[in-house]
PDB file of N, CA and C in Angstrom:
ATOM      1  N   UNK A   1     -19.198-107.263 -17.548  1.00  0.00           N
ATOM      2  CA  UNK A   1     -20.274-106.239 -17.063  1.00  0.00           C
ATOM      3  C   UNK A   1     -19.066-104.987 -17.464  1.00  0.00           C
ATOM      4  N   UNK A   2     -20.079-104.098 -17.909  1.00  0.00           N
ATOM      5  CA  UNK A   2     -19.504-102.494 -18.177  1.00  0.00           C
ATOM      6  C   UNK A   2     -20.379-101.436 -17.492  1.00  0.00           C
ATOM      7  N   UNK A   3     -19.355-100.612 -16.758  1.00  0.00           N
ATOM      8  CA  UNK A   3     -20.466 -99.821 -16.202  1.00  0.00           C
ATOM      9  C   UNK A   3     -20.869 -98.643 -16.994  1.00  0.00           C
ATOM     10  N   UNK A   4     -22.390 -97.885 -17.390  1.00  0.00           N
ATOM     11  CA  UNK A   4     -22.941 -97.609 -17.536  1.00  0.00           C
ATOM     12  C   UNK A   4     -23.298 -95.900 -16.697  1.00  0.00           C
ATOM     13  N   UNK A   5     -22.716 -95.357 -17.367  1.00  0.00           N
ATOM     14  CA  UNK A   5     -22.396 -93.720 -16.297  1.00  0.00           C
ATOM     15  C   UNK A   5     -23.135 -92.360 -17.691  1.00  0.00           C
ATOM     16  N   UNK A   6     -24.095 -92.843 -18.023  1.00  0.00           N
ATOM     17  CA  UNK A   6     -24.353 -91.919 -19.200  1.00  0.00           C
ATOM     18  C   UNK A   6     -25.294 -90.776 -18.474  1.00  0.00           C
ATOM     19  N   UNK A   7     -25.952 -91.337 -17.056  1.00  0.00           N
ATOM     20  CA  UNK A   7     -26.921 -90.918 -16.241  1.00  0.00           C
ATOM     21  C   UNK A   7     -25.906 -89.684 -15.345  1.00  0.00           C
ATOM     22  N   UNK A   8     -24.753 -90.023 -15.769  1.00  0.00           N
ATOM     23  CA  UNK A   8     -24.238 -88.768 -14.778  1.00  0.00           C
ATOM     24  C   UNK A   8     -24.010 -87.174 -15.637  1.00  0.00           C
ATOM     25  N   UNK A   9     -23.913 -87.416 -16.578  1.00  0.00           N
ATOM     26  CA  UNK A   9     -24.021 -85.530 -17.123  1.00  0.00           C
ATOM     27  C   UNK A   9     -25.177 -84.908 -17.034  1.00  0.00           C
ATOM     28  N   UNK A  10     -26.620 -85.712 -16.959  1.00  0.00           N
ATOM     29  CA  UNK A  10     -27.937 -85.203 -16.704  1.00  0.00           C
ATOM     30  C   UNK A  10     -28.117 -84.778 -15.811  1.00  0.00           C
ATOM     31  N   UNK A  11     -27.634 -85.926 -14.601  1.00  0.00           N
ATOM     32  CA  UNK A  11     -27.569 -85.411 -13.067  1.00  0.00           C
ATOM     33  C   UNK A  11     -27.093 -84.508 -12.888  1.00  0.00           C
ATOM     34  N   UNK A  12     -25.829 -84.662 -13.430  1.00  0.00           N
ATOM     35  CA  UNK A  12     -25.049 -82.913 -12.739  1.00  0.00           C
ATOM     36  C   UNK A  12     -25.524 -81.531 -13.458  1.00  0.00           C
ATOM     37  N   UNK A  13     -25.535 -82.200 -14.592  1.00  0.00           N
ATOM     38  CA  UNK A  13     -26.670 -80.660 -15.293  1.00  0.00           C
ATOM     39  C   UNK A  13     -27.934 -80.201 -14.298  1.00  0.00           C
ATOM     40  N   UNK A  14     -28.500 -81.153 -14.362  1.00  0.00           N
ATOM     41  CA  UNK A  14     -29.929 -80.979 -13.047  1.00  0.00           C
ATOM     42  C   UNK A  14     -29.497 -80.178 -12.192  1.00  0.00           C
ATOM     43  N   UNK A  15     -28.049 -80.813 -11.798  1.00  0.00           N
ATOM     44  CA  UNK A  15     -28.095 -79.985  -9.940  1.00  0.00           C
ATOM     45  C   UNK A  15     -27.348 -78.666 -10.608  1.00  0.00           C
ATOM     46  N   UNK A  16     -26.878 -78.054 -11.627  1.00  0.00           N
ATOM     47  CA  UNK A  16     -26.253 -77.376 -11.855  1.00  0.00           C
ATOM     48  C   UNK A  16     -24.902 -76.561 -11.609  1.00  0.00           C
ATOM     49  N   UNK A  17     -24.441 -78.192 -11.432  1.00  0.00           N
ATOM     50  CA  UNK A  17     -22.858 -77.855 -11.317  1.00  0.00           C
ATOM     51  C   UNK A  17     -22.207 -78.387 -12.220  1.00  0.00           C
ATOM     52  N   UNK A  18     -20.940 -77.053 -12.595  1.00  0.00           N
ATOM     53  CA  UNK A  18     -20.657 -77.635 -14.033  1.00  0.00           C
ATOM     54  C   UNK A  18     -19.498 -78.358 -13.296  1.00  0.00           C
ATOM     55  N   UNK A  19     -18.469 -79.309 -14.296  1.00  0.00           N
ATOM     56  CA  UNK A  19     -17.943 -80.391 -14.064  1.00  0.00           C
ATOM     57  C   UNK A  19     -16.517 -80.000 -13.268  1.00  0.00           C
ATOM     58  N   UNK A  20     -15.931 -79.036 -13.358  1.00  0.00           N
ATOM     59  CA  UNK A  20     -14.866 -78.354 -12.242  1.00  0.00           C
ATOM     60  C   UNK A  20     -15.439 -77.910 -11.299  1.00  0.00           C
ATOM     61  N   UNK A  21     -16.586 -77.677 -10.852  1.00  0.00           N
ATOM     62  CA  UNK A  21     -17.169 -77.515  -9.281  1.00  0.00           C
ATOM     63  C   UNK A  21     -17.463 -79.244  -8.817  1.00  0.00           C
ATOM     64  N   UNK A  22     -18.139 -80.041  -9.231  1.00  0.00           N
ATOM     65  CA  UNK A  22     -18.034 -81.301  -9.167  1.00  0.00           C
ATOM     66  C   UNK A  22     -16.877 -81.855  -9.203  1.00  0.00           C
ATOM     67  N   UNK A  23     -15.638 -81.651  -9.355  1.00  0.00           N
ATOM     68  CA  UNK A  23     -14.178 -82.103  -9.188  1.00  0.00           C
ATOM     69  C   UNK A  23     -13.670 -81.540  -8.046  1.00  0.00           C
ATOM     70  N   UNK A  24     -14.001 -80.451  -8.072  1.00  0.00           N
ATOM     71  CA  UNK A  24     -13.356 -79.990  -6.602  1.00  0.00           C
ATOM     72  C   UNK A  24     -14.256 -80.864  -5.418  1.00  0.00           C
ATOM     73  N   UNK A  25     -15.563 -81.092  -5.624  1.00  0.00           N
ATOM     74  CA  UNK A  25     -16.272 -81.174  -4.154  1.00  0.00           C
ATOM     75  C   UNK A  25     -16.093 -82.793  -3.974  1.00  0.00           C
ATOM     76  N   UNK A  26     -15.775 -83.290  -5.318  1.00  0.00           N
ATOM     77  CA  UNK A  26     -15.104 -85.077  -5.173  1.00  0.00           C
ATOM     78  C   UNK A  26     -13.650 -85.345  -4.828  1.00  0.00           C
ATOM     79  N   UNK A  27     -12.776 -84.490  -4.853  1.00  0.00           N
ATOM     80  CA  UNK A  27     -11.303 -84.384  -4.633  1.00  0.00           C
ATOM     81  C   UNK A  27     -10.574 -84.877  -6.202  1.00  0.00           C
ATOM     82  N   UNK A  28     -11.101 -84.704  -6.854  1.00  0.00           N
ATOM     83  CA  UNK A  28     -10.390 -85.226  -8.258  1.00  0.00           C
ATOM     84  C   UNK A  28     -10.144 -84.343  -9.515  1.00  0.00           C
ATOM     85  N   UNK A  29      -9.475 -84.849 -10.489  1.00  0.00           N
ATOM     86  CA  UNK A  29      -9.468 -83.761 -11.700  1.00  0.00           C
ATOM     87  C   UNK A  29     -10.906 -83.855 -12.385  1.00  0.00           C
ATOM     88  N   UNK A  30     -10.702 -82.284 -13.260  1.00  0.00           N
ATOM     89  CA  UNK A  30     -12.099 -82.146 -14.064  1.00  0.00           C
ATOM     90  C   UNK A  30     -12.074 -82.955 -15.317  1.00  0.00           C
ATOM     91  N   UNK A  31     -10.826 -83.530 -15.469  1.00  0.00           N
ATOM     92  CA  UNK A  31     -10.139 -84.507 -16.113  1.00  0.00           C
ATOM     93  C   UNK A  31     -10.960 -85.945 -16.258  1.00  0.00           C
ATOM     94  N   UNK A  32     -10.776 -86.490 -14.972  1.00  0.00           N
ATOM     95  CA  UNK A  32     -11.896 -87.443 -14.126  1.00  0.00           C
ATOM     96  C   UNK A  32     -13.142 -87.609 -14.608  1.00  0.00           C
ATOM     97  N   UNK A  33     -14.041 -86.228 -14.508  1.00  0.00           N
ATOM     98  CA  UNK A  33     -15.227 -86.241 -14.571  1.00  0.00           C
ATOM     99  C   UNK A  33     -15.728 -86.399 -15.745  1.00  0.00           C
ATOM    100  N   UNK A  34     -14.647 -85.499 -16.901  1.00  0.00           N
ATOM    101  CA  UNK A  34     -15.123 -85.801 -18.160  1.00  0.00           C
ATOM    102  C   UNK A  34     -14.938 -87.522 -18.325  1.00  0.00           C
ATOM    103  N   UNK A  35     -13.783 -87.876 -18.490  1.00  0.00           N
ATOM    104  CA  UNK A  35     -13.511 -89.351 -18.479  1.00  0.00           C
ATOM    105  C   UNK A  35     -14.562 -90.620 -17.951  1.00  0.00           C
ATOM    106  N   UNK A  36     -15.042 -89.984 -16.848  1.00  0.00           N
ATOM    107  CA  UNK A  36     -16.405 -90.367 -16.292  1.00  0.00           C
ATOM    108  C   UNK A  36     -17.517 -90.492 -17.047  1.00  0.00           C
ATOM    109  N   UNK A  37     -17.908 -89.246 -17.185  1.00  0.00           N
ATOM    110  CA  UNK A  37     -19.274 -89.380 -18.048  1.00  0.00           C
ATOM    111  C   UNK A  37     -19.412 -89.616 -19.469  1.00  0.00           C
ATOM    112  N   UNK A  38     -17.683 -90.232 -19.821  1.00  0.00           N
ATOM    113  CA  UNK A  38     -17.911 -89.976 -21.634  1.00  0.00           C
ATOM    114  C   UNK A  38     -18.094 -91.591 -21.230  1.00  0.00           C
ATOM    115  N   UNK A  39     -17.581 -92.758 -20.328  1.00  0.00           N
ATOM    116  CA  UNK A  39     -17.724 -93.988 -19.790  1.00  0.00           C
ATOM    117  C   UNK A  39     -16.375 -94.277 -20.366  1.00  0.00           C
ATOM    118  N   UNK A  40     -15.073 -93.765 -20.427  1.00  0.00           N
ATOM    119  CA  UNK A  40     -14.162 -93.756 -20.798  1.00  0.00           C
ATOM    120  C   UNK A  40     -13.037 -94.433 -19.222  1.00  0.00           C
ATOM    121  N   UNK A  41     -13.982 -94.594 -17.959  1.00  0.00           N
ATOM    122  CA  UNK A  41     -13.358 -94.053 -16.758  1.00  0.00           C
ATOM    123  C   UNK A  41     -14.504 -94.833 -15.766  1.00  0.00           C
ATOM    124  N   UNK A  42     -14.411 -95.780 -15.278  1.00  0.00           N
ATOM    125  CA  UNK A  42     -15.274 -96.622 -13.945  1.00  0.00           C
ATOM    126  C   UNK A  42     -14.605 -96.025 -13.103  1.00  0.00           C
ATOM    127  N   UNK A  43     -15.526 -95.378 -11.807  1.00  0.00           N
ATOM    128  CA  UNK A  43     -14.821 -95.149 -10.832  1.00  0.00           C
ATOM    129  C   UNK A  43     -14.833 -96.016  -9.726  1.00  0.00           C
ATOM    130  N   UNK A  44     -14.322 -95.509  -8.631  1.00  0.00           N
ATOM    131  CA  UNK A  44     -13.889 -96.503  -7.483  1.00  0.00           C
ATOM    132  C   UNK A  44     -15.575 -96.600  -7.035  1.00  0.00           C
ATOM    133  N   UNK A  45     -15.510 -97.295  -6.211  1.00  0.00           N
ATOM    134  CA  UNK A  45     -16.665 -97.530  -5.386  1.00  0.00           C
ATOM    135  C   UNK A  45     -16.483 -95.979  -4.547  1.00  0.00           C
ATOM    136  N   UNK A  46     -15.609 -95.867  -4.007  1.00  0.00           N
ATOM    137  CA  UNK A  46     -15.285 -94.668  -2.831  1.00  0.00           C
ATOM    138  C   UNK A  46     -15.629 -92.959  -3.308  1.00  0.00           C
ATOM    139  N   UNK A  47     -15.387 -93.198  -4.777  1.00  0.00           N
ATOM    140  CA  UNK A  47     -15.563 -92.094  -6.117  1.00  0.00           C
ATOM    141  C   UNK A  47     -17.054 -91.917  -6.008  1.00  0.00           C
ATOM    142  N   UNK A  48     -17.541 -92.869  -6.804  1.00  0.00           N
ATOM    143  CA  UNK A  48     -19.283 -93.082  -6.778  1.00  0.00           C
ATOM    144  C   UNK A  48     -20.106 -92.749  -5.926  1.00  0.00           C
ATOM    145  N   UNK A  49     -19.871 -93.085  -4.739  1.00  0.00           N
ATOM    146  CA  UNK A  49     -20.608 -92.595  -3.315  1.00  0.00           C
ATOM    147  C   UNK A  49     -20.250 -90.718  -3.311  1.00  0.00           C
ATOM    148  N   UNK A  50     -18.730 -90.538  -3.393  1.00  0.00           N
ATOM    149  CA  UNK A  50     -18.716 -88.982  -3.529  1.00  0.00           C
ATOM    150  C   UNK A  50     -18.908 -88.357  -4.264  1.00  0.00           C
ATOM    151  N   UNK A  51     -19.451 -88.742  -5.550  1.00  0.00           N
ATOM    152  CA  UNK A  51     -20.145 -88.006  -6.738  1.00  0.00           C
ATOM    153  C   UNK A  51     -21.359 -88.070  -6.225  1.00  0.00           C
ATOM    154  N   UNK A  52     -22.287 -89.242  -5.769  1.00  0.00           N
ATOM    155  CA  UNK A  52     -23.473 -89.436  -5.643  1.00  0.00           C
ATOM    156  C   UNK A  52     -23.780 -88.295  -4.568  1.00  0.00           C
ATOM    157  N   UNK A  53     -23.045 -88.720  -3.602  1.00  0.00           N
ATOM    158  CA  UNK A  53     -23.486 -87.683  -2.002  1.00  0.00           C
ATOM    159  C   UNK A  53     -23.431 -86.209  -2.526  1.00  0.00           C
ATOM    160  N   UNK A  54     -22.320 -85.799  -3.232  1.00  0.00           N
ATOM    161  CA  UNK A  54     -22.049 -84.459  -4.523  1.00  0.00           C
ATOM    162  C   UNK A  54     -23.379 -83.983  -4.668  1.00  0.00           C
ATOM    163  N   UNK A  55     -24.029 -84.857  -5.554  1.00  0.00           N
ATOM    164  CA  UNK A  55     -24.813 -84.460  -6.568  1.00  0.00           C
ATOM    165  C   UNK A  55     -26.297 -84.783  -5.593  1.00  0.00           C
ATOM    166  N   UNK A  56     -26.339 -84.899  -4.797  1.00  0.00           N
ATOM    167  CA  UNK A  56     -27.460 -85.750  -3.935  1.00  0.00           C
ATOM    168  C   UNK A  56     -28.506 -86.303  -4.415  1.00  0.00           C
ATOM    169  N   UNK A  57     -27.882 -87.134  -4.813  1.00  0.00           N
ATOM    170  CA  UNK A  57     -28.765 -88.532  -4.893  1.00  0.00           C
ATOM    171  C   UNK A  57     -27.838 -90.082  -5.035  1.00  0.00           C
ATOM    172  N   UNK A  58     -27.957 -90.889  -5.550  1.00  0.00           N
ATOM    173  CA  UNK A  58     -28.108 -92.444  -5.261  1.00  0.00           C
ATOM    174  C   UNK A  58     -26.905 -92.653  -6.355  1.00  0.00           C
ATOM    175  N   UNK A  59     -26.216 -93.440  -6.073  1.00  0.00           N
ATOM    176  CA  UNK A  59     -25.209 -94.112  -6.950  1.00  0.00           C
ATOM    177  C   UNK A  59     -25.924 -95.064  -7.841  1.00  0.00           C
ATOM    178  N   UNK A  60     -26.603 -95.643  -7.309  1.00  0.00           N
ATOM    179  CA  UNK A  60     -27.534 -96.202  -8.643  1.00  0.00           C
ATOM    180  C   UNK A  60     -28.237 -95.483  -9.421  1.00  0.00           C
ATOM    181  N   UNK A  61     -28.507 -94.477  -9.225  1.00  0.00           N
ATOM    182  CA  UNK A  61     -29.129 -93.207 -10.140  1.00  0.00           C
ATOM    183  C   UNK A  61     -28.113 -92.813 -11.245  1.00  0.00           C
ATOM    184  N   UNK A  62     -26.956 -92.926 -11.004  1.00  0.00           N
ATOM    185  CA  UNK A  62     -25.834 -91.874 -11.543  1.00  0.00           C
ATOM    186  C   UNK A  62     -25.350 -93.116 -12.342  1.00  0.00           C
ATOM    187  N   UNK A  63     -24.970 -94.343 -11.900  1.00  0.00           N
ATOM    188  CA  UNK A  63     -24.115 -95.515 -12.429  1.00  0.00           C
ATOM    189  C   UNK A  63     -24.760 -96.859 -12.365  1.00  0.00           C
ATOM    190  N   UNK A  64     -24.761 -97.579 -13.595  1.00  0.00           N
ATOM    191  CA  UNK A  64     -25.820 -98.824 -13.908  1.00  0.00           C
ATOM    192  C   UNK A  64     -24.787-100.390 -14.449  1.00  0.00           C
ATOM    193  N   UNK A  65     -25.142-101.290 -14.284  1.00  0.00           N
ATOM    194  CA  UNK A  65     -24.289-102.142 -14.953  1.00  0.00           C
ATOM    195  C   UNK A  65     -24.987-102.463 -16.086  1.00  0.00           C
ATOM    196  N   UNK A  66     -24.298-102.694 -17.531  1.00  0.00           N
ATOM    197  CA  UNK A  66     -24.823-103.592 -18.798  1.00  0.00           C
ATOM    198  C   UNK A  66     -23.649-105.020 -18.327  1.00  0.00           C
ATOM    199  N   UNK A  67     -25.196-105.859 -18.987  1.00  0.00           N
ATOM    200  CA  UNK A  67     -23.679-106.742 -19.423  1.00  0.00           C
ATOM    201  C   UNK A  67     -23.579-106.359 -21.158  1.00  0.00           C
ATOM    202  N   UNK A  68     -22.174-106.878 -20.945  1.00  0.00           N
ATOM    203  CA  UNK A  68     -21.336-106.807 -22.062  1.00  0.00           C
ATOM    204  C   UNK A  68     -22.116-108.021 -23.258  1.00  0.00           C
ATOM    205  N   UNK A  69     -22.489-107.311 -24.728  1.00  0.00           N
ATOM    206  CA  UNK A  69     -23.143-108.344 -25.680  1.00  0.00           C
ATOM    207  C   UNK A  69     -21.633-109.725 -26.262  1.00  0.00           C
ATOM    208  N   UNK A  70     -21.720-110.643 -26.334  1.00  0.00           N
ATOM    209  CA  UNK A  70     -20.875-111.466 -26.574  1.00  0.00           C
ATOM    210  C   UNK A  70     -20.704-111.677 -28.317  1.00  0.00           C
TER     211      UNK A  70
END
């Protein structure tokens, strides 16, 4: 299974938060937010919860699991 994070960027932008501010609110680097938005980094459950809380939404709205094609 693969974590899909494509909604993170849209939710972050809708909340009016720049990447740097989201990084500060969640205690990670801006590079971590960039990598997560690109799908290059799957955050831990703890980080996913912090991101959702900072964006006033749920983890399910931002992250989803996709079956990998064989």
